[in-house]
Amino acid sequence: MATRGRKPLPTAIKVLEGDRGKGRRPLNKDEPIPSQENLRCPSWLMPEAKKEWKRLAPSLTAMGVLTEHDIEAFAGYCQAYARWREAEEFMTKHGTIFKTPSGYVQQVPQVSIAMQNLKIMQSFCSEFGLTPASRARLYAGGGDKSDMDDPMESVLKGGWQDVQ
């Protein structure tokens, strides 16, 4: 049976986003926190996928998003990236259509390969907070920025002299 509603975000992402629920939705204090040790790039990845792993893994680890339990999912993203890149390079070199022996114009298979892998990448990107929309919700300090920008909040906290 499928679960209802949105998928819950990992607590590490929620902390980076700040308190969007204004205290109504407390953080999950009992969420399991897997280790960030032994985060090695899988040896079976394609060479281009290994480059993508080495490019992104350090920042995801620093944000607390990439853990030892996420290795397979992140490897899936990296592998999809490598396949997408390979298909795009083929299309750049050879074009996106060809003529069949009977004279019909047909799309090369790399077009659908690229589209499928791009969809896979996009779903993994949203899971790891790698899309522009998910990054726009993140705050590096982990606090709620809206309280600091609200003049009324400043007045209530005793900073009424600073309000203009």
Protein backbone atom coordinates (compact mmCIF):
# COMPACT_ATOMS: atom_id res chain seq x y z
CA MET A 1 0.00 0.00 0.00
CA ALA A 2 1.36 3.42 -0.94
CA THR A 3 1.86 6.10 1.66
CA ARG A 4 -0.06 9.34 1.36
CA GLY A 5 1.25 12.84 1.00
CA ARG A 6 4.69 14.15 0.31
CA LYS A 7 7.79 12.13 1.03
CA PRO A 8 9.37 13.42 4.23
CA LEU A 9 12.66 15.23 3.84
CA PRO A 10 15.71 13.97 5.69
CA THR A 11 16.35 15.86 8.92
CA ALA A 12 19.72 17.07 7.56
CA ILE A 13 17.89 18.86 4.72
CA LYS A 14 15.28 20.26 7.13
CA VAL A 15 18.01 21.68 9.38
CA LEU A 16 19.62 23.39 6.38
CA GLU A 17 16.24 24.79 5.29
CA GLY A 18 15.45 26.25 8.68
CA ASP A 19 12.14 26.02 10.54
CA ARG A 20 9.69 26.34 7.65
CA GLY A 21 6.89 24.99 9.84
CA LYS A 22 7.34 27.79 12.41
CA GLY A 23 7.64 25.25 15.21
CA ARG A 24 4.44 23.37 14.27
CA ARG A 25 6.40 20.53 12.67
CA PRO A 26 9.18 19.46 15.02
CA LEU A 27 12.27 17.75 13.65
CA ASN A 28 12.44 13.99 13.93
CA LYS A 29 14.78 13.51 16.89
CA ASP A 30 14.67 9.72 16.47
CA GLU A 31 15.66 9.60 12.79
CA PRO A 32 18.46 7.08 12.30
CA ILE A 33 21.74 8.80 11.45
CA PRO A 34 23.93 6.51 9.35
CA SER A 35 27.67 6.88 9.47
CA GLN A 36 29.53 9.11 7.03
CA GLU A 37 32.59 6.87 7.23
CA ASN A 38 33.65 4.57 4.39
CA LEU A 39 32.11 6.67 1.64
CA ARG A 40 34.19 5.20 -1.14
CA CYS A 41 33.31 5.52 -4.79
CA PRO A 42 32.14 2.10 -6.05
CA SER A 43 34.72 0.51 -8.33
CA TRP A 44 32.10 -0.68 -10.83
CA LEU A 45 31.06 2.84 -11.86
CA MET A 46 31.85 4.06 -15.36
CA PRO A 47 34.86 6.43 -15.51
CA GLU A 48 32.65 9.49 -16.10
CA ALA A 49 30.45 8.44 -13.17
CA LYS A 50 33.53 8.25 -10.92
CA LYS A 51 34.44 11.81 -11.91
CA GLU A 52 30.94 12.98 -10.98
CA TRP A 53 31.19 11.12 -7.64
CA LYS A 54 34.48 12.83 -6.86
CA ARG A 55 33.03 16.21 -7.84
CA LEU A 56 29.87 16.07 -5.69
CA ALA A 57 30.49 13.63 -2.82
CA PRO A 58 32.61 15.99 -0.67
CA SER A 59 29.98 18.74 -0.62
CA LEU A 60 27.10 16.32 -0.01
CA THR A 61 29.05 14.75 2.85
CA ALA A 62 29.77 18.18 4.32
CA MET A 63 26.04 19.01 4.22
CA GLY A 64 25.29 15.75 6.04
CA VAL A 65 23.18 14.42 3.16
CA LEU A 66 25.44 11.65 1.85
CA THR A 67 25.89 8.74 4.27
CA GLU A 68 26.95 5.12 3.97
CA HIS A 69 23.31 4.12 3.39
CA ASP A 70 23.03 6.50 0.43
CA ILE A 71 25.98 5.11 -1.54
CA GLU A 72 23.82 3.05 -3.91
CA ALA A 73 21.38 5.89 -4.60
CA PHE A 74 24.20 8.35 -5.23
CA ALA A 75 25.99 5.79 -7.39
CA GLY A 76 22.75 5.48 -9.39
CA TYR A 77 22.77 9.24 -9.93
CA CYS A 78 26.42 9.18 -11.01
CA GLN A 79 25.89 6.25 -13.38
CA ALA A 80 22.83 7.93 -14.93
CA TYR A 81 24.93 11.08 -15.34
CA ALA A 82 27.66 9.12 -17.16
CA ARG A 83 25.14 7.42 -19.48
CA TRP A 84 23.36 10.71 -20.17
CA ARG A 85 26.67 12.35 -20.96
CA GLU A 86 27.70 9.48 -23.24
CA ALA A 87 24.41 9.70 -25.19
CA GLU A 88 24.68 13.49 -25.47
CA GLU A 89 28.23 13.24 -26.80
CA PHE A 90 27.11 10.68 -29.39
CA MET A 91 24.27 12.95 -30.55
CA THR A 92 26.59 15.94 -30.75
CA LYS A 93 28.98 13.96 -32.93
CA HIS A 94 26.51 12.00 -35.09
CA GLY A 95 23.24 13.95 -34.91
CA THR A 96 19.84 12.92 -33.62
CA ILE A 97 18.30 11.38 -36.75
CA PHE A 98 19.35 8.90 -39.43
CA LYS A 99 17.90 7.43 -42.60
CA THR A 100 16.88 3.79 -42.53
CA PRO A 101 17.79 1.51 -45.47
CA SER A 102 14.19 1.87 -46.70
CA GLY A 103 14.52 5.69 -46.74
CA TYR A 104 12.60 6.63 -43.58
CA VAL A 105 14.01 9.24 -41.23
CA GLN A 106 14.29 7.90 -37.68
CA GLN A 107 15.53 9.14 -34.33
CA VAL A 108 18.76 7.61 -33.01
CA PRO A 109 18.28 5.48 -29.83
CA GLN A 110 20.58 7.83 -27.90
CA VAL A 111 17.80 10.46 -27.81
CA SER A 112 15.60 8.24 -25.64
CA ILE A 113 18.62 6.99 -23.67
CA ALA A 114 19.54 10.59 -22.85
CA MET A 115 15.96 11.48 -21.89
CA GLN A 116 15.56 8.42 -19.62
CA ASN A 117 18.84 9.05 -17.83
CA LEU A 118 18.07 12.74 -17.45
CA LYS A 119 14.80 11.82 -15.70
CA ILE A 120 16.68 9.45 -13.40
CA MET A 121 19.22 12.18 -12.63
CA GLN A 122 16.47 14.71 -11.88
CA SER A 123 14.76 12.41 -9.39
CA PHE A 124 18.05 11.71 -7.59
CA CYS A 125 18.93 15.42 -7.67
CA SER A 126 15.78 16.32 -5.78
CA GLU A 127 16.49 13.56 -3.25
CA PHE A 128 19.98 14.90 -2.55
CA GLY A 129 19.07 18.61 -2.67
CA LEU A 130 20.94 19.25 -5.93
CA THR A 131 18.27 21.15 -7.86
CA PRO A 132 18.06 24.96 -7.92
CA ALA A 133 14.65 24.81 -6.22
CA SER A 134 15.89 22.61 -3.39
CA ARG A 135 19.01 24.77 -2.94
CA ALA A 136 16.86 27.91 -2.80
CA ARG A 137 15.16 26.48 0.30
CA LEU A 138 18.44 25.86 2.13
CA TYR A 139 20.01 28.21 4.66
CA ALA A 140 23.69 27.71 5.43
CA GLY A 141 23.25 28.82 9.06
CA GLY A 142 20.43 26.38 9.71
CA GLY A 143 18.26 29.06 11.32
CA ASP A 144 15.00 30.57 10.11
CA LYS A 145 15.83 33.66 8.05
CA SER A 146 12.24 34.93 7.91
CA ASP A 147 12.29 36.01 11.58
CA MET A 148 15.35 38.19 11.01
CA ASP A 149 13.73 39.96 8.04
CA ASP A 150 10.42 40.63 9.77
CA PRO A 151 10.32 44.15 11.34
CA MET A 152 7.49 43.17 13.73
CA GLU A 153 9.55 40.24 14.99
CA SER A 154 12.37 42.69 15.67
CA VAL A 155 10.02 44.97 17.64
CA LEU A 156 8.73 42.05 19.70
CA LYS A 157 12.28 41.02 20.53
CA GLY A 158 13.10 44.52 21.80
CA GLY A 159 14.91 45.78 18.74
CA TRP A 160 12.36 48.50 17.98
CA GLN A 161 15.04 51.22 17.78
CA ASP A 162 16.55 49.59 14.70
CA VAL A 163 13.27 49.46 12.73
CA GLN A 164 12.95 52.25 10.14
